[in-house]
Amino acid sequence: MVETFEYYSEDPYISGTIASSVIKGVQSHKNAYTTLKHFIANNKETNQRAFREICLKDYEIAIKNDNPKAIMSSYNLVNGIHVNENAGIMNNILRKEIHYNNIVMTDCAN
């Protein structure tokens, strides 16, 4: 997958739909999997409305429609907490709201 959905489109519906199609196509082959990255807010949006409507929506579409086998979290800070350590994002949103139950890994920074 690409690092940011903006490579597909700035519209979250279009980018989520395209990403979903890529996931579906790749994972339709035996032993082929996708990693959706970099979850989430790689552009450091912290406004709750923008976060949900712009940053989260495309990931939500791709995850709910075609369930990638792995997700790589972004390493940036959201409200002062690294995304991979942010329980509100990783546990509450990703696991509980979106119901993602596959592998989650972090992107490391030096």
N, C-alpha and C. Protein backbone atom coordinates (compact mmCIF):
# COMPACT_ATOMS: atom_id res chain seq x y z
N MET A 1 0.84 -1.18 0.00
CA MET A 1 0.00 0.00 0.00
C MET A 1 0.88 1.24 0.00
N VAL A 2 0.27 2.33 -0.30
CA VAL A 2 1.00 3.59 -0.30
C VAL A 2 1.03 4.16 1.11
N GLU A 3 1.92 5.10 1.34
CA GLU A 3 2.09 5.64 2.68
C GLU A 3 0.95 6.55 3.10
N THR A 4 0.40 7.30 2.20
CA THR A 4 -0.73 8.16 2.54
C THR A 4 -1.79 8.02 1.47
N PHE A 5 -3.01 8.12 1.91
CA PHE A 5 -4.12 7.96 0.97
C PHE A 5 -4.17 9.09 -0.05
N GLU A 6 -3.49 10.20 0.21
CA GLU A 6 -3.52 11.30 -0.74
C GLU A 6 -2.96 10.90 -2.10
N TYR A 7 -2.20 9.81 -2.14
CA TYR A 7 -1.70 9.34 -3.43
C TYR A 7 -2.84 8.82 -4.30
N TYR A 8 -3.90 8.37 -3.67
CA TYR A 8 -5.08 7.94 -4.42
C TYR A 8 -5.98 9.13 -4.71
N SER A 9 -6.35 9.85 -3.67
CA SER A 9 -7.26 10.98 -3.79
C SER A 9 -7.29 11.73 -2.47
N GLU A 10 -7.63 13.00 -2.51
CA GLU A 10 -7.83 13.74 -1.28
C GLU A 10 -9.22 13.49 -0.70
N ASP A 11 -10.08 12.89 -1.49
CA ASP A 11 -11.43 12.56 -1.03
C ASP A 11 -11.38 11.23 -0.28
N PRO A 12 -11.76 11.20 1.00
CA PRO A 12 -11.66 9.98 1.78
C PRO A 12 -12.49 8.82 1.23
N TYR A 13 -13.64 9.10 0.64
CA TYR A 13 -14.47 8.03 0.08
C TYR A 13 -13.76 7.38 -1.11
N ILE A 14 -13.23 8.22 -2.01
CA ILE A 14 -12.54 7.69 -3.19
C ILE A 14 -11.29 6.92 -2.78
N SER A 15 -10.47 7.51 -1.92
CA SER A 15 -9.23 6.83 -1.52
C SER A 15 -9.51 5.55 -0.75
N GLY A 16 -10.53 5.55 0.11
CA GLY A 16 -10.88 4.34 0.84
C GLY A 16 -11.38 3.24 -0.08
N THR A 17 -12.16 3.64 -1.08
CA THR A 17 -12.69 2.68 -2.04
C THR A 17 -11.59 2.09 -2.91
N ILE A 18 -10.67 2.92 -3.36
CA ILE A 18 -9.54 2.44 -4.16
C ILE A 18 -8.66 1.51 -3.33
N ALA A 19 -8.33 1.93 -2.11
CA ALA A 19 -7.51 1.09 -1.24
C ALA A 19 -8.19 -0.25 -0.98
N SER A 20 -9.48 -0.20 -0.77
CA SER A 20 -10.27 -1.41 -0.55
C SER A 20 -10.14 -2.36 -1.75
N SER A 21 -10.21 -1.82 -2.94
CA SER A 21 -10.08 -2.64 -4.15
C SER A 21 -8.70 -3.26 -4.27
N VAL A 22 -7.67 -2.49 -3.91
CA VAL A 22 -6.30 -3.02 -3.95
C VAL A 22 -6.15 -4.16 -2.95
N ILE A 23 -6.65 -3.95 -1.73
CA ILE A 23 -6.58 -4.99 -0.70
C ILE A 23 -7.29 -6.25 -1.19
N LYS A 24 -8.47 -6.09 -1.71
CA LYS A 24 -9.26 -7.23 -2.20
C LYS A 24 -8.52 -7.97 -3.30
N GLY A 25 -7.96 -7.24 -4.25
CA GLY A 25 -7.23 -7.86 -5.36
C GLY A 25 -6.01 -8.62 -4.91
N VAL A 26 -5.19 -8.01 -4.07
CA VAL A 26 -3.96 -8.66 -3.60
C VAL A 26 -4.29 -9.88 -2.76
N GLN A 27 -5.21 -9.71 -1.81
CA GLN A 27 -5.51 -10.79 -0.88
C GLN A 27 -6.37 -11.90 -1.49
N SER A 28 -6.79 -11.71 -2.75
CA SER A 28 -7.52 -12.79 -3.42
C SER A 28 -6.57 -13.90 -3.87
N HIS A 29 -5.27 -13.63 -3.84
CA HIS A 29 -4.26 -14.62 -4.21
C HIS A 29 -3.80 -15.38 -2.96
N LYS A 30 -3.57 -16.65 -3.11
CA LYS A 30 -3.15 -17.49 -2.00
C LYS A 30 -1.86 -16.96 -1.38
N ASN A 31 -1.85 -16.84 -0.06
CA ASN A 31 -0.69 -16.40 0.72
C ASN A 31 -0.20 -15.00 0.35
N ALA A 32 -1.08 -14.15 -0.14
CA ALA A 32 -0.72 -12.76 -0.43
C ALA A 32 -1.51 -11.86 0.52
N TYR A 33 -0.81 -10.94 1.16
CA TYR A 33 -1.43 -10.09 2.16
C TYR A 33 -1.03 -8.64 1.94
N THR A 34 -1.80 -7.75 2.55
CA THR A 34 -1.50 -6.33 2.46
C THR A 34 -1.25 -5.75 3.84
N THR A 35 -0.47 -4.68 3.86
CA THR A 35 -0.28 -3.88 5.06
C THR A 35 -0.73 -2.47 4.74
N LEU A 36 -1.71 -2.01 5.46
CA LEU A 36 -2.24 -0.67 5.29
C LEU A 36 -1.43 0.26 6.18
N LYS A 37 -0.84 1.29 5.59
CA LYS A 37 -0.02 2.19 6.39
C LYS A 37 -0.20 3.62 5.94
N HIS A 38 0.14 4.52 6.63
CA HIS A 38 0.54 4.69 8.02
C HIS A 38 -0.68 5.16 8.80
N PHE A 39 -1.24 4.29 9.62
CA PHE A 39 -2.44 4.57 10.40
C PHE A 39 -2.06 5.40 11.60
N ILE A 40 -2.42 6.49 11.73
CA ILE A 40 -3.36 7.44 11.18
C ILE A 40 -2.82 8.84 11.42
N ALA A 41 -3.40 9.81 10.80
CA ALA A 41 -3.05 11.22 11.02
C ALA A 41 -1.59 11.49 10.73
N ASN A 42 -1.10 10.93 9.64
CA ASN A 42 0.28 11.17 9.26
C ASN A 42 0.52 12.66 9.01
N ASN A 43 -0.56 13.39 8.75
CA ASN A 43 -0.44 14.83 8.55
C ASN A 43 -0.66 15.60 9.85
N LYS A 44 -0.79 14.90 10.97
CA LYS A 44 -0.86 15.46 12.32
C LYS A 44 -2.12 16.27 12.58
N GLU A 45 -3.20 16.00 11.85
CA GLU A 45 -4.48 16.63 12.15
C GLU A 45 -4.91 16.22 13.54
N THR A 46 -5.28 17.19 14.37
CA THR A 46 -5.73 16.85 15.70
C THR A 46 -7.16 17.31 15.98
N ASN A 47 -7.72 18.12 15.11
CA ASN A 47 -9.11 18.53 15.25
C ASN A 47 -9.98 17.30 15.13
N GLN A 48 -10.86 17.05 16.11
CA GLN A 48 -11.65 15.82 16.17
C GLN A 48 -12.50 15.61 14.93
N ARG A 49 -13.13 16.66 14.44
CA ARG A 49 -13.98 16.53 13.25
C ARG A 49 -13.15 16.18 12.02
N ALA A 50 -12.05 16.92 11.81
CA ALA A 50 -11.17 16.63 10.67
C ALA A 50 -10.56 15.23 10.80
N PHE A 51 -10.20 14.87 12.02
CA PHE A 51 -9.63 13.55 12.27
C PHE A 51 -10.60 12.46 11.82
N ARG A 52 -11.85 12.57 12.22
CA ARG A 52 -12.85 11.54 11.90
C ARG A 52 -13.31 11.58 10.45
N GLU A 53 -13.53 12.77 9.91
CA GLU A 53 -14.09 12.89 8.57
C GLU A 53 -13.06 12.79 7.46
N ILE A 54 -11.85 13.19 7.74
CA ILE A 54 -10.81 13.20 6.70
C ILE A 54 -9.77 12.12 6.93
N CYS A 55 -9.17 12.10 8.11
CA CYS A 55 -8.07 11.16 8.38
C CYS A 55 -8.54 9.73 8.56
N LEU A 56 -9.63 9.53 9.27
CA LEU A 56 -10.07 8.19 9.63
C LEU A 56 -10.94 7.53 8.58
N LYS A 57 -11.76 8.29 7.88
CA LYS A 57 -12.80 7.73 7.01
C LYS A 57 -12.24 6.78 5.95
N ASP A 58 -11.17 7.13 5.28
CA ASP A 58 -10.63 6.26 4.24
C ASP A 58 -10.09 4.95 4.80
N TYR A 59 -9.44 5.01 5.96
CA TYR A 59 -8.98 3.78 6.61
C TYR A 59 -10.17 2.92 7.01
N GLU A 60 -11.18 3.55 7.57
CA GLU A 60 -12.37 2.83 8.01
C GLU A 60 -13.03 2.09 6.85
N ILE A 61 -13.14 2.75 5.70
CA ILE A 61 -13.73 2.12 4.51
C ILE A 61 -12.91 0.91 4.09
N ALA A 62 -11.61 1.09 3.97
CA ALA A 62 -10.74 0.00 3.51
C ALA A 62 -10.73 -1.17 4.50
N ILE A 63 -10.69 -0.87 5.78
CA ILE A 63 -10.64 -1.94 6.79
C ILE A 63 -11.96 -2.70 6.85
N LYS A 64 -13.06 -1.98 6.91
CA LYS A 64 -14.36 -2.65 7.02
C LYS A 64 -14.74 -3.41 5.76
N ASN A 65 -14.35 -2.90 4.60
CA ASN A 65 -14.72 -3.56 3.34
C ASN A 65 -13.86 -4.79 3.04
N ASP A 66 -12.55 -4.68 3.28
CA ASP A 66 -11.67 -5.76 2.80
C ASP A 66 -10.60 -6.22 3.77
N ASN A 67 -10.63 -5.77 5.02
CA ASN A 67 -9.85 -6.35 6.10
C ASN A 67 -8.39 -6.67 5.76
N PRO A 68 -7.53 -5.66 5.66
CA PRO A 68 -6.12 -5.94 5.39
C PRO A 68 -5.55 -6.81 6.52
N LYS A 69 -4.57 -7.63 6.18
CA LYS A 69 -4.01 -8.55 7.17
C LYS A 69 -3.10 -7.88 8.17
N ALA A 70 -2.63 -6.67 7.86
CA ALA A 70 -1.79 -5.94 8.81
C ALA A 70 -1.99 -4.44 8.63
N ILE A 71 -1.74 -3.72 9.71
CA ILE A 71 -1.77 -2.26 9.68
C ILE A 71 -0.50 -1.78 10.34
N MET A 72 0.16 -0.81 9.72
CA MET A 72 1.33 -0.18 10.31
C MET A 72 0.90 1.19 10.82
N SER A 73 1.12 1.42 12.11
CA SER A 73 0.74 2.72 12.67
C SER A 73 1.78 3.77 12.29
N SER A 74 1.33 5.00 12.24
CA SER A 74 2.27 6.09 12.00
C SER A 74 3.05 6.35 13.28
N TYR A 75 4.14 7.08 13.18
CA TYR A 75 4.98 7.32 14.35
C TYR A 75 4.83 8.74 14.87
N ASN A 76 4.03 9.54 14.22
CA ASN A 76 3.89 10.93 14.62
C ASN A 76 3.10 11.07 15.92
N LEU A 77 3.13 12.28 16.46
CA LEU A 77 2.39 12.58 17.68
C LEU A 77 1.00 13.09 17.33
N VAL A 78 0.00 12.63 18.06
CA VAL A 78 -1.35 13.19 17.99
C VAL A 78 -1.69 13.60 19.41
N ASN A 79 -1.90 14.90 19.57
CA ASN A 79 -2.14 15.46 20.91
C ASN A 79 -1.05 15.06 21.91
N GLY A 80 0.20 15.05 21.43
CA GLY A 80 1.33 14.81 22.29
C GLY A 80 1.67 13.36 22.57
N ILE A 81 0.94 12.43 21.98
CA ILE A 81 1.19 11.00 22.20
C ILE A 81 1.46 10.33 20.86
N HIS A 82 2.51 9.50 20.79
CA HIS A 82 2.78 8.75 19.56
C HIS A 82 1.58 7.86 19.26
N VAL A 83 1.21 7.79 18.00
CA VAL A 83 0.03 7.03 17.60
C VAL A 83 0.08 5.60 18.09
N ASN A 84 1.23 4.95 17.96
CA ASN A 84 1.33 3.55 18.38
C ASN A 84 1.15 3.36 19.88
N GLU A 85 1.28 4.42 20.66
CA GLU A 85 1.09 4.35 22.11
C GLU A 85 -0.22 4.99 22.55
N ASN A 86 -1.01 5.46 21.60
CA ASN A 86 -2.24 6.18 21.90
C ASN A 86 -3.40 5.19 22.02
N ALA A 87 -3.78 4.87 23.25
CA ALA A 87 -4.85 3.89 23.50
C ALA A 87 -6.17 4.35 22.90
N GLY A 88 -6.41 5.64 22.90
CA GLY A 88 -7.65 6.15 22.32
C GLY A 88 -7.76 5.84 20.84
N ILE A 89 -6.66 5.93 20.14
CA ILE A 89 -6.65 5.65 18.70
C ILE A 89 -6.53 4.16 18.44
N MET A 90 -5.54 3.52 19.03
CA MET A 90 -5.26 2.12 18.70
C MET A 90 -6.29 1.15 19.28
N ASN A 91 -6.69 1.36 20.51
CA ASN A 91 -7.64 0.42 21.13
C ASN A 91 -9.09 0.83 20.89
N ASN A 92 -9.41 2.06 21.25
CA ASN A 92 -10.81 2.48 21.17
C ASN A 92 -11.30 2.62 19.73
N ILE A 93 -10.53 3.31 18.90
CA ILE A 93 -10.99 3.53 17.52
C ILE A 93 -10.71 2.32 16.65
N LEU A 94 -9.46 1.91 16.54
CA LEU A 94 -9.11 0.82 15.62
C LEU A 94 -9.72 -0.52 16.03
N ARG A 95 -9.55 -0.90 17.26
CA ARG A 95 -10.01 -2.22 17.70
C ARG A 95 -11.50 -2.27 18.01
N LYS A 96 -12.00 -1.29 18.77
CA LYS A 96 -13.39 -1.35 19.23
C LYS A 96 -14.39 -0.76 18.25
N GLU A 97 -14.09 0.43 17.71
CA GLU A 97 -15.04 1.07 16.79
C GLU A 97 -15.03 0.44 15.40
N ILE A 98 -13.83 0.24 14.86
CA ILE A 98 -13.72 -0.29 13.50
C ILE A 98 -13.70 -1.83 13.51
N HIS A 99 -13.45 -2.42 14.64
CA HIS A 99 -13.43 -3.89 14.82
C HIS A 99 -12.31 -4.56 14.02
N TYR A 100 -11.13 -3.94 14.02
CA TYR A 100 -9.97 -4.54 13.36
C TYR A 100 -9.29 -5.50 14.33
N ASN A 101 -9.10 -6.75 13.92
CA ASN A 101 -8.54 -7.76 14.82
C ASN A 101 -7.30 -8.46 14.29
N ASN A 102 -6.68 -7.92 13.26
CA ASN A 102 -5.47 -8.54 12.71
C ASN A 102 -4.22 -7.87 13.29
N ILE A 103 -3.11 -8.07 12.65
CA ILE A 103 -1.81 -7.58 13.11
C ILE A 103 -1.72 -6.06 13.03
N VAL A 104 -1.16 -5.46 14.09
CA VAL A 104 -0.82 -4.04 14.08
C VAL A 104 0.65 -3.93 14.45
N MET A 105 1.39 -3.19 13.64
CA MET A 105 2.82 -2.97 13.91
C MET A 105 3.07 -1.47 13.86
N THR A 106 4.18 -1.06 14.41
CA THR A 106 4.50 0.35 14.40
C THR A 106 5.58 0.65 13.38
N ASP A 107 5.57 1.87 12.89
CA ASP A 107 6.64 2.36 12.05
C ASP A 107 7.66 2.98 12.99
N CYS A 108 8.88 2.55 12.93
CA CYS A 108 9.90 3.04 13.86
C CYS A 108 10.54 4.29 13.33
N ALA A 109 10.88 5.17 14.22
CA ALA A 109 11.63 6.38 13.87
C ALA A 109 12.96 6.32 14.59
N ASN A 110 13.97 6.91 13.98
CA ASN A 110 15.30 6.90 14.60
C ASN A 110 15.46 8.02 15.55
